[in-house]
Protein backbone atom coordinates (compact mmCIF):
# COMPACT_ATOMS: atom_id res chain seq x y z
CA MET A 1 11.33 16.07 14.55
CA SER A 2 9.17 13.38 16.09
CA ASP A 3 6.77 13.61 13.11
CA GLN A 4 9.62 12.89 10.72
CA ILE A 5 10.77 9.91 12.76
CA THR A 6 7.23 8.59 12.75
CA LYS A 7 6.99 9.04 8.98
CA GLU A 8 10.34 7.29 8.48
CA GLN A 9 9.19 4.43 10.65
CA GLU A 10 5.94 4.24 8.71
CA VAL A 11 7.82 4.07 5.41
CA GLU A 12 10.08 1.34 6.79
CA ILE A 13 7.08 -0.68 7.96
CA GLN A 14 5.44 -0.30 4.56
CA GLN A 15 8.61 -1.43 2.80
CA ARG A 16 8.96 -4.46 5.06
CA TYR A 17 5.31 -5.38 4.55
CA LYS A 18 5.60 -5.05 0.78
CA LYS A 19 8.76 -7.18 0.72
CA ALA A 20 7.09 -9.89 2.80
CA HIS A 21 4.00 -9.75 0.62
CA TYR A 22 6.16 -10.00 -2.51
CA LYS A 23 7.95 -13.10 -1.21
CA GLY A 24 4.67 -14.72 -0.22
CA TRP A 25 3.11 -13.83 -3.58
CA LEU A 26 5.98 -15.39 -5.50
CA ASN A 27 5.89 -18.52 -3.36
CA GLN A 28 2.15 -18.94 -3.80
CA GLN A 29 2.24 -18.33 -7.55
CA ILE A 30 5.21 -20.62 -8.19
CA VAL A 31 4.47 -23.46 -5.78
CA GLY A 32 0.70 -23.25 -5.67
CA GLY A 33 0.00 -21.97 -9.15
CA GLY A 34 2.74 -23.60 -11.17
CA LYS A 35 3.90 -20.31 -12.67
CA THR A 36 7.45 -19.45 -13.54
CA PHE A 37 9.34 -16.84 -11.51
CA GLU A 38 8.95 -14.34 -14.35
CA GLU A 39 5.19 -14.94 -14.63
CA ALA A 40 4.75 -14.60 -10.88
CA GLN A 41 6.82 -11.42 -10.81
CA GLU A 42 4.85 -9.91 -13.69
CA SER A 43 1.58 -10.80 -11.96
CA PHE A 44 2.80 -9.18 -8.74
CA ASN A 45 3.84 -6.01 -10.55
CA LYS A 46 0.44 -5.69 -12.25
CA ASN A 47 -1.40 -6.19 -8.98
CA ASP A 48 0.96 -3.82 -7.17
CA VAL A 49 0.05 -1.04 -9.62
CA ILE A 50 -3.65 -1.71 -9.09
CA ALA A 51 -3.21 -1.75 -5.31
CA GLY A 52 -1.24 1.51 -5.44
CA LYS A 53 -4.04 3.24 -7.36
CA TYR A 54 -6.59 1.88 -4.91
CA LEU A 55 -4.59 3.12 -1.91
CA GLU A 56 -4.23 6.56 -3.52
CA LYS A 57 -8.00 6.68 -3.97
CA LEU A 58 -8.57 5.69 -0.34
CA SER A 59 -6.07 8.31 0.80
CA SER A 60 -7.85 10.96 -1.25
CA ILE A 61 -11.20 9.99 0.28
CA HIS A 62 -9.64 10.05 3.75
CA ASN A 63 -8.18 13.52 3.18
CA THR A 64 -11.50 14.80 1.83
CA ILE A 65 -13.33 13.55 4.92
CA LEU A 66 -10.72 15.15 7.20
CA GLU A 67 -11.07 18.49 5.41
CA GLN A 68 -14.86 18.34 5.66
CA ALA A 69 -14.64 17.49 9.35
CA LYS A 70 -12.32 20.47 9.93
CA GLU A 71 -14.75 22.76 8.12
CA LEU A 72 -17.65 21.46 10.16
CA SER A 73 -15.80 21.92 13.43
CA LYS A 74 -14.89 25.50 12.46
CA SER A 75 -18.49 26.39 11.71
CA LYS A 76 -19.80 25.18 15.09
């Protein structure tokens, strides 16, 4: 049960971080970059997709390393 609570808390933290990042992104693009709301939102969505793919790749690498470490510890 405590694992699920931890996962729920992690998801909530990620959602809060993403929302804060989104607001900051829009502000920077509109005020600092002179873009319209729609342009800033489109730019955020494109970069969010790229970031998601990057995080998936990092997660895959992380999981691979963990599996290799488990195999090494079993063989010793």
